[in-house]
Amino acid sequence: MSGRDRQHLALLFDIDGTLIITGGAGARSWRLAFDELYGIPADIGQFTDIGMTDPDVGRKTFEAVLGRKPERHEFARLLERRLHYLHRTVTESEHYRVLPGVEDLLLGLVDEGYLLGLITGNLEAAAHIKLHRARLNRFFSFGGYGSDSNDRAEITRIALHRGSLVYGEHLGLDRCLVIGDTPHDVAGAHAAGVACVGVATHKYNSAQLAEAKADWVIESFEDGLPHEALE
């Protein structure tokens, strides 16, 4: 099927739990940053939920452990120290792994002429730190990130705008497909008017993703994306 005939041309992938598992590297980097700056090895899991953006994670954890909102200068410093430690924690993580079928899927989609982007709550720098270890950065030339907005729908729209600039053609919402592993990914895609493939590769099973009204649900990428989703 030629790119001109396809309904969906731009495919936007979530990162954590969809493409890779960092083995807790993200949480450890936050813990080290808080410990260095405030002497508190904060556990983000006590105060935040899966699917939140990095800025939300940092602010909510800061408020919970320090009892106040961060000043602008100290929040910027916290983000910088978190990214500093993330390089180390990702490199050292014993349980970092690429999820089954991911690399073959991405290689095949690029060969078939699909436009691949990212849509993630990670800061842009954090997203690429996490992908670098597995050399997956090379597949993605645009994206929307938690450093762009705390609103998932807006992140989707920003990603498509950037994709349009990169490829020199307008990428309408009807030509985009989001692929993610959580109900947050499904809700964000639908709020932006975009269809979503839910992939049950991490903490949510196929029934939960179907209940969240994912347009298609798959167990893993080992058999590729649903043919009807790519038509």
C-alpha atoms as a PDB file:
ATOM      1  CA  MET A   1       0.000   0.000   0.000  1.00  0.00           C
ATOM      2  CA  SER A   2       1.523   3.332  -0.981  1.00  0.00           C
ATOM      3  CA  GLY A   3       1.886   6.195   1.491  1.00  0.00           C
ATOM      4  CA  ARG A   4      -0.571   8.198  -0.644  1.00  0.00           C
ATOM      5  CA  ASP A   5      -3.290   5.543  -0.225  1.00  0.00           C
ATOM      6  CA  ARG A   6      -2.935   5.108   3.530  1.00  0.00           C
ATOM      7  CA  GLN A   7      -5.265   6.692   5.992  1.00  0.00           C
ATOM      8  CA  HIS A   8      -2.686   6.630   8.788  1.00  0.00           C
ATOM      9  CA  LEU A   9       0.716   7.989   7.825  1.00  0.00           C
ATOM     10  CA  ALA A  10       2.223   9.367  11.066  1.00  0.00           C
ATOM     11  CA  LEU A  11       2.653   6.894  13.916  1.00  0.00           C
ATOM     12  CA  LEU A  12       3.321   8.343  17.372  1.00  0.00           C
ATOM     13  CA  PHE A  13       4.837   6.018  19.979  1.00  0.00           C
ATOM     14  CA  ASP A  14       4.871   6.327  23.746  1.00  0.00           C
ATOM     15  CA  ILE A  15       8.199   5.289  25.304  1.00  0.00           C
ATOM     16  CA  ASP A  16       8.025   3.820  28.814  1.00  0.00           C
ATOM     17  CA  GLY A  17       6.193   0.500  28.853  1.00  0.00           C
ATOM     18  CA  THR A  18       5.603   0.709  25.098  1.00  0.00           C
ATOM     19  CA  LEU A  19       9.069   0.659  23.528  1.00  0.00           C
ATOM     20  CA  ILE A  20      11.311   0.044  26.525  1.00  0.00           C
ATOM     21  CA  ILE A  21      11.393  -0.716  30.231  1.00  0.00           C
ATOM     22  CA  THR A  22      14.109   1.206  32.068  1.00  0.00           C
ATOM     23  CA  GLY A  23      14.038  -1.033  35.112  1.00  0.00           C
ATOM     24  CA  GLY A  24      13.335   1.822  37.502  1.00  0.00           C
ATOM     25  CA  ALA A  25      16.043   4.134  36.153  1.00  0.00           C
ATOM     26  CA  GLY A  26      13.678   7.102  36.021  1.00  0.00           C
ATOM     27  CA  ALA A  27      12.587   6.804  39.643  1.00  0.00           C
ATOM     28  CA  ARG A  28      16.191   6.337  40.792  1.00  0.00           C
ATOM     29  CA  SER A  29      17.293   9.484  38.973  1.00  0.00           C
ATOM     30  CA  TRP A  30      14.629  11.539  40.765  1.00  0.00           C
ATOM     31  CA  ARG A  31      15.636   9.992  44.089  1.00  0.00           C
ATOM     32  CA  LEU A  32      19.295  10.899  43.573  1.00  0.00           C
ATOM     33  CA  ALA A  33      18.439  14.458  42.534  1.00  0.00           C
ATOM     34  CA  PHE A  34      16.259  15.075  45.593  1.00  0.00           C
ATOM     35  CA  ASP A  35      18.857  13.469  47.840  1.00  0.00           C
ATOM     36  CA  GLU A  36      21.659  15.668  46.499  1.00  0.00           C
ATOM     37  CA  LEU A  37      19.714  18.930  46.687  1.00  0.00           C
ATOM     38  CA  TYR A  38      17.542  18.415  49.781  1.00  0.00           C
ATOM     39  CA  GLY A  39      18.876  15.372  51.628  1.00  0.00           C
ATOM     40  CA  ILE A  40      15.601  13.521  50.942  1.00  0.00           C
ATOM     41  CA  PRO A  41      15.737  10.388  48.730  1.00  0.00           C
ATOM     42  CA  ALA A  42      12.168  10.944  47.536  1.00  0.00           C
ATOM     43  CA  ASP A  43      10.180   8.037  46.078  1.00  0.00           C
ATOM     44  CA  ILE A  44       8.096   9.437  43.209  1.00  0.00           C
ATOM     45  CA  GLY A  45       5.888   6.350  43.253  1.00  0.00           C
ATOM     46  CA  GLN A  46       4.377   7.450  46.576  1.00  0.00           C
ATOM     47  CA  PHE A  47       3.083  10.713  45.147  1.00  0.00           C
ATOM     48  CA  THR A  48       2.529  10.300  41.404  1.00  0.00           C
ATOM     49  CA  ASP A  49       0.757   8.072  38.898  1.00  0.00           C
ATOM     50  CA  ILE A  50       1.806   6.295  35.704  1.00  0.00           C
ATOM     51  CA  GLY A  51       1.310   8.526  32.685  1.00  0.00           C
ATOM     52  CA  MET A  52       2.021  11.855  34.365  1.00  0.00           C
ATOM     53  CA  THR A  53       4.432  14.241  32.675  1.00  0.00           C
ATOM     54  CA  ASP A  54       7.921  14.762  34.103  1.00  0.00           C
ATOM     55  CA  PRO A  55       7.190  18.346  35.236  1.00  0.00           C
ATOM     56  CA  ASP A  56       4.073  17.149  37.080  1.00  0.00           C
ATOM     57  CA  VAL A  57       6.048  14.320  38.696  1.00  0.00           C
ATOM     58  CA  GLY A  58       8.742  16.709  39.858  1.00  0.00           C
ATOM     59  CA  ARG A  59       6.348  19.336  41.208  1.00  0.00           C
ATOM     60  CA  LYS A  60       4.005  16.924  42.989  1.00  0.00           C
ATOM     61  CA  THR A  61       6.910  15.066  44.587  1.00  0.00           C
ATOM     62  CA  PHE A  62       8.554  18.334  45.622  1.00  0.00           C
ATOM     63  CA  GLU A  63       5.359  19.586  47.248  1.00  0.00           C
ATOM     64  CA  ALA A  64       4.793  16.261  49.011  1.00  0.00           C
ATOM     65  CA  VAL A  65       8.275  15.920  50.536  1.00  0.00           C
ATOM     66  CA  LEU A  66       9.046  19.606  51.195  1.00  0.00           C
ATOM     67  CA  GLY A  67       5.556  20.873  51.961  1.00  0.00           C
ATOM     68  CA  ARG A  68       5.653  23.821  49.563  1.00  0.00           C
ATOM     69  CA  LYS A  69       5.759  24.662  45.881  1.00  0.00           C
ATOM     70  CA  PRO A  70       9.205  24.963  44.311  1.00  0.00           C
ATOM     71  CA  GLU A  71      10.577  28.335  43.326  1.00  0.00           C
ATOM     72  CA  ARG A  72      11.308  28.652  39.619  1.00  0.00           C
ATOM     73  CA  HIS A  73      15.088  28.613  40.044  1.00  0.00           C
ATOM     74  CA  GLU A  74      15.112  25.562  42.306  1.00  0.00           C
ATOM     75  CA  PHE A  75      12.750  23.622  40.087  1.00  0.00           C
ATOM     76  CA  ALA A  76      15.013  24.289  37.092  1.00  0.00           C
ATOM     77  CA  ARG A  77      17.958  23.038  39.163  1.00  0.00           C
ATOM     78  CA  LEU A  78      16.020  19.930  40.204  1.00  0.00           C
ATOM     79  CA  LEU A  79      15.218  19.090  36.580  1.00  0.00           C
ATOM     80  CA  GLU A  80      18.865  19.545  35.582  1.00  0.00           C
ATOM     81  CA  ARG A  81      20.135  17.279  38.370  1.00  0.00           C
ATOM     82  CA  ARG A  82      17.505  14.685  37.522  1.00  0.00           C
ATOM     83  CA  LEU A  83      18.687  14.610  33.886  1.00  0.00           C
ATOM     84  CA  HIS A  84      22.294  14.460  35.089  1.00  0.00           C
ATOM     85  CA  TYR A  85      21.567  11.331  37.107  1.00  0.00           C
ATOM     86  CA  LEU A  86      19.304   9.799  34.457  1.00  0.00           C
ATOM     87  CA  HIS A  87      22.301   9.272  32.163  1.00  0.00           C
ATOM     88  CA  ARG A  88      23.864   7.162  34.906  1.00  0.00           C
ATOM     89  CA  THR A  89      20.808   5.269  36.086  1.00  0.00           C
ATOM     90  CA  VAL A  90      19.795   4.263  32.552  1.00  0.00           C
ATOM     91  CA  THR A  91      23.336   3.087  31.772  1.00  0.00           C
ATOM     92  CA  GLU A  92      23.607   1.124  35.021  1.00  0.00           C
ATOM     93  CA  SER A  93      20.093  -0.367  35.060  1.00  0.00           C
ATOM     94  CA  GLU A  94      20.298  -4.167  35.171  1.00  0.00           C
ATOM     95  CA  HIS A  95      16.685  -4.549  34.101  1.00  0.00           C
ATOM     96  CA  TYR A  96      16.625  -2.125  31.176  1.00  0.00           C
ATOM     97  CA  ARG A  97      15.190  -3.853  28.133  1.00  0.00           C
ATOM     98  CA  VAL A  98      13.620  -3.253  24.751  1.00  0.00           C
ATOM     99  CA  LEU A  99      10.180  -4.826  24.607  1.00  0.00           C
ATOM    100  CA  PRO A 100       9.575  -7.817  22.316  1.00  0.00           C
ATOM    101  CA  GLY A 101       9.251  -7.071  18.609  1.00  0.00           C
ATOM    102  CA  VAL A 102      10.007  -3.347  18.907  1.00  0.00           C
ATOM    103  CA  GLU A 103      13.124  -3.041  16.772  1.00  0.00           C
ATOM    104  CA  ASP A 104      11.830  -5.277  13.975  1.00  0.00           C
ATOM    105  CA  LEU A 105       8.545  -3.359  13.971  1.00  0.00           C
ATOM    106  CA  LEU A 106      10.253   0.040  13.737  1.00  0.00           C
ATOM    107  CA  LEU A 107      12.602  -1.132  10.999  1.00  0.00           C
ATOM    108  CA  GLY A 108       9.664  -2.468   8.999  1.00  0.00           C
ATOM    109  CA  LEU A 109       7.570   0.678   9.425  1.00  0.00           C
ATOM    110  CA  VAL A 110      10.413   2.914   8.268  1.00  0.00           C
ATOM    111  CA  ASP A 111      11.000   0.672   5.247  1.00  0.00           C
ATOM    112  CA  GLU A 112       7.301   0.953   4.400  1.00  0.00           C
ATOM    113  CA  GLY A 113       7.466   4.750   4.480  1.00  0.00           C
ATOM    114  CA  TYR A 114       5.602   5.558   7.678  1.00  0.00           C
ATOM    115  CA  LEU A 115       6.540   8.718   9.576  1.00  0.00           C
ATOM    116  CA  LEU A 116       7.564   7.805  13.122  1.00  0.00           C
ATOM    117  CA  GLY A 117       7.369  10.193  16.048  1.00  0.00           C
ATOM    118  CA  LEU A 118       7.249  10.153  19.831  1.00  0.00           C
ATOM    119  CA  ILE A 119       4.503  11.191  22.211  1.00  0.00           C
ATOM    120  CA  THR A 120       5.554  11.020  25.826  1.00  0.00           C
ATOM    121  CA  GLY A 121       5.319  12.642  29.217  1.00  0.00           C
ATOM    122  CA  ASN A 122       9.120  12.614  29.429  1.00  0.00           C
ATOM    123  CA  LEU A 123      11.046  15.818  29.021  1.00  0.00           C
ATOM    124  CA  GLU A 124      12.536  15.806  25.529  1.00  0.00           C
ATOM    125  CA  ALA A 125      16.057  15.304  26.892  1.00  0.00           C
ATOM    126  CA  ALA A 126      14.911  12.473  29.182  1.00  0.00           C
ATOM    127  CA  ALA A 127      13.130  10.735  26.311  1.00  0.00           C
ATOM    128  CA  HIS A 128      16.281  10.591  24.231  1.00  0.00           C
ATOM    129  CA  ILE A 129      18.478   9.563  27.160  1.00  0.00           C
ATOM    130  CA  LYS A 130      16.198   6.577  27.714  1.00  0.00           C
ATOM    131  CA  LEU A 131      16.124   5.592  24.029  1.00  0.00           C
ATOM    132  CA  HIS A 132      19.852   6.109  23.443  1.00  0.00           C
ATOM    133  CA  ARG A 133      20.970   2.973  25.280  1.00  0.00           C
ATOM    134  CA  ALA A 134      19.014   0.792  22.831  1.00  0.00           C
ATOM    135  CA  ARG A 135      19.902   2.945  19.797  1.00  0.00           C
ATOM    136  CA  LEU A 136      16.210   3.588  19.149  1.00  0.00           C
ATOM    137  CA  ASN A 137      16.620   7.362  18.738  1.00  0.00           C
ATOM    138  CA  ARG A 138      17.443   6.878  15.085  1.00  0.00           C
ATOM    139  CA  PHE A 139      13.873   5.934  14.222  1.00  0.00           C
ATOM    140  CA  PHE A 140      12.220   9.144  15.459  1.00  0.00           C
ATOM    141  CA  SER A 141      12.661  12.525  13.807  1.00  0.00           C
ATOM    142  CA  PHE A 142       9.966  14.457  15.689  1.00  0.00           C
ATOM    143  CA  GLY A 143       7.797  14.249  18.762  1.00  0.00           C
ATOM    144  CA  GLY A 144       5.756  15.837  21.511  1.00  0.00           C
ATOM    145  CA  TYR A 145       7.081  15.797  25.067  1.00  0.00           C
ATOM    146  CA  GLY A 146       6.246  16.575  28.668  1.00  0.00           C
ATOM    147  CA  SER A 147       8.466  19.631  28.300  1.00  0.00           C
ATOM    148  CA  ASP A 148       5.917  20.990  25.792  1.00  0.00           C
ATOM    149  CA  SER A 149       2.741  20.684  27.846  1.00  0.00           C
ATOM    150  CA  ASN A 150       1.147  18.823  30.757  1.00  0.00           C
ATOM    151  CA  ASP A 151      -1.891  18.127  28.573  1.00  0.00           C
ATOM    152  CA  ARG A 152      -1.647  14.900  26.570  1.00  0.00           C
ATOM    153  CA  ALA A 153      -3.955  16.121  23.833  1.00  0.00           C
ATOM    154  CA  GLU A 154      -1.848  19.240  23.366  1.00  0.00           C
ATOM    155  CA  ILE A 155       1.319  17.123  23.292  1.00  0.00           C
ATOM    156  CA  THR A 156      -0.233  15.127  20.440  1.00  0.00           C
ATOM    157  CA  ARG A 157      -1.063  18.261  18.485  1.00  0.00           C
ATOM    158  CA  ILE A 158       2.437  19.652  19.024  1.00  0.00           C
ATOM    159  CA  ALA A 159       3.965  16.385  17.793  1.00  0.00           C
ATOM    160  CA  LEU A 160       1.921  16.521  14.602  1.00  0.00           C
ATOM    161  CA  HIS A 161       2.846  20.166  14.013  1.00  0.00           C
ATOM    162  CA  ARG A 162       6.523  19.266  14.293  1.00  0.00           C
ATOM    163  CA  GLY A 163       6.048  16.292  12.007  1.00  0.00           C
ATOM    164  CA  SER A 164       4.449  18.579   9.440  1.00  0.00           C
ATOM    165  CA  LEU A 165       7.472  20.878   9.580  1.00  0.00           C
ATOM    166  CA  VAL A 166       9.941  18.011   9.259  1.00  0.00           C
ATOM    167  CA  TYR A 167       8.222  16.363   6.298  1.00  0.00           C
ATOM    168  CA  GLY A 168       6.920  19.467   4.540  1.00  0.00           C
ATOM    169  CA  GLU A 169       3.295  18.350   4.465  1.00  0.00           C
ATOM    170  CA  HIS A 170       0.322  18.858   6.740  1.00  0.00           C
ATOM    171  CA  LEU A 171      -0.346  15.881   9.003  1.00  0.00           C
ATOM    172  CA  GLY A 172      -4.013  16.020   9.905  1.00  0.00           C
ATOM    173  CA  LEU A 173      -5.376  14.286  12.982  1.00  0.00           C
ATOM    174  CA  ASP A 174      -7.097  11.724  10.773  1.00  0.00           C
ATOM    175  CA  ARG A 175      -3.709  10.677   9.378  1.00  0.00           C
ATOM    176  CA  CYS A 176      -2.160  10.040  12.775  1.00  0.00           C
ATOM    177  CA  LEU A 177      -2.146   6.971  15.025  1.00  0.00           C
ATOM    178  CA  VAL A 178      -0.979   6.873  18.642  1.00  0.00           C
ATOM    179  CA  ILE A 179       0.526   3.687  20.101  1.00  0.00           C
ATOM    180  CA  GLY A 180       0.750   3.385  23.888  1.00  0.00           C
ATOM    181  CA  ASP A 181       0.457   1.028  26.827  1.00  0.00           C
ATOM    182  CA  THR A 182      -1.786   2.897  29.301  1.00  0.00           C
ATOM    183  CA  PRO A 183      -5.324   4.285  29.503  1.00  0.00           C
ATOM    184  CA  HIS A 184      -3.667   7.723  29.766  1.00  0.00           C
ATOM    185  CA  ASP A 185      -2.268   7.231  26.255  1.00  0.00           C
ATOM    186  CA  VAL A 186      -5.704   6.255  24.958  1.00  0.00           C
ATOM    187  CA  ALA A 187      -7.446   9.175  26.652  1.00  0.00           C
ATOM    188  CA  GLY A 188      -4.835  11.672  25.425  1.00  0.00           C
ATOM    189  CA  ALA A 189      -5.069  10.436  21.861  1.00  0.00           C
ATOM    190  CA  HIS A 190      -8.861  10.551  21.817  1.00  0.00           C
ATOM    191  CA  ALA A 191      -8.914  14.006  23.421  1.00  0.00           C
ATOM    192  CA  ALA A 192      -6.850  15.189  20.451  1.00  0.00           C
ATOM    193  CA  GLY A 193      -9.116  13.402  17.977  1.00  0.00           C
ATOM    194  CA  VAL A 194      -6.615  10.664  17.137  1.00  0.00           C
ATOM    195  CA  ALA A 195      -7.100   6.876  17.034  1.00  0.00           C
ATOM    196  CA  CYS A 196      -5.023   4.723  19.394  1.00  0.00           C
ATOM    197  CA  VAL A 197      -3.545   1.239  19.479  1.00  0.00           C
ATOM    198  CA  GLY A 198      -3.215  -0.053  23.036  1.00  0.00           C
ATOM    199  CA  VAL A 199      -0.379  -2.518  23.580  1.00  0.00           C
ATOM    200  CA  ALA A 200      -0.538  -4.677  26.718  1.00  0.00           C
ATOM    201  CA  THR A 201       3.200  -4.821  27.307  1.00  0.00           C
ATOM    202  CA  HIS A 202       3.501  -3.449  30.821  1.00  0.00           C
ATOM    203  CA  LYS A 203       1.134  -2.753  33.730  1.00  0.00           C
ATOM    204  CA  TYR A 204      -2.215  -2.769  31.909  1.00  0.00           C
ATOM    205  CA  ASN A 205      -3.690  -5.857  30.298  1.00  0.00           C
ATOM    206  CA  SER A 206      -5.688  -6.035  27.090  1.00  0.00           C
ATOM    207  CA  ALA A 207      -9.037  -5.986  28.928  1.00  0.00           C
ATOM    208  CA  GLN A 208      -8.124  -2.770  30.735  1.00  0.00           C
ATOM    209  CA  LEU A 209      -7.007  -1.118  27.503  1.00  0.00           C
ATOM    210  CA  ALA A 210     -10.191  -2.216  25.776  1.00  0.00           C
ATOM    211  CA  GLU A 211     -12.205  -0.815  28.672  1.00  0.00           C
ATOM    212  CA  ALA A 212     -10.327   2.465  28.179  1.00  0.00           C
ATOM    213  CA  LYS A 213     -11.726   2.373  24.611  1.00  0.00           C
ATOM    214  CA  ALA A 214      -8.503   1.849  22.679  1.00  0.00           C
ATOM    215  CA  ASP A 215      -9.440   1.519  19.000  1.00  0.00           C
ATOM    216  CA  TRP A 216      -7.302  -1.613  18.694  1.00  0.00           C
ATOM    217  CA  VAL A 217      -5.578  -3.715  21.372  1.00  0.00           C
ATOM    218  CA  ILE A 218      -2.587  -6.033  20.913  1.00  0.00           C
ATOM    219  CA  GLU A 219      -0.565  -8.135  23.341  1.00  0.00           C
ATOM    220  CA  SER A 220       2.867  -7.199  21.962  1.00  0.00           C
ATOM    221  CA  PHE A 221       4.618  -5.964  18.833  1.00  0.00           C
ATOM    222  CA  GLU A 222       5.885  -9.413  17.885  1.00  0.00           C
ATOM    223  CA  ASP A 223       3.111  -9.805  15.311  1.00  0.00           C
ATOM    224  CA  GLY A 224       3.238  -6.165  14.240  1.00  0.00           C
ATOM    225  CA  LEU A 225       0.494  -3.574  14.394  1.00  0.00           C
ATOM    226  CA  PRO A 226      -3.073  -4.529  13.369  1.00  0.00           C
ATOM    227  CA  HIS A 227      -3.384  -4.417   9.600  1.00  0.00           C
ATOM    228  CA  GLU A 228      -6.655  -2.524   9.787  1.00  0.00           C
ATOM    229  CA  ALA A 229      -5.015   0.162  11.942  1.00  0.00           C
ATOM    230  CA  LEU A 230      -2.478   0.851   9.211  1.00  0.00           C
ATOM    231  CA  GLU A 231      -4.920   1.005   6.308  1.00  0.00           C
END
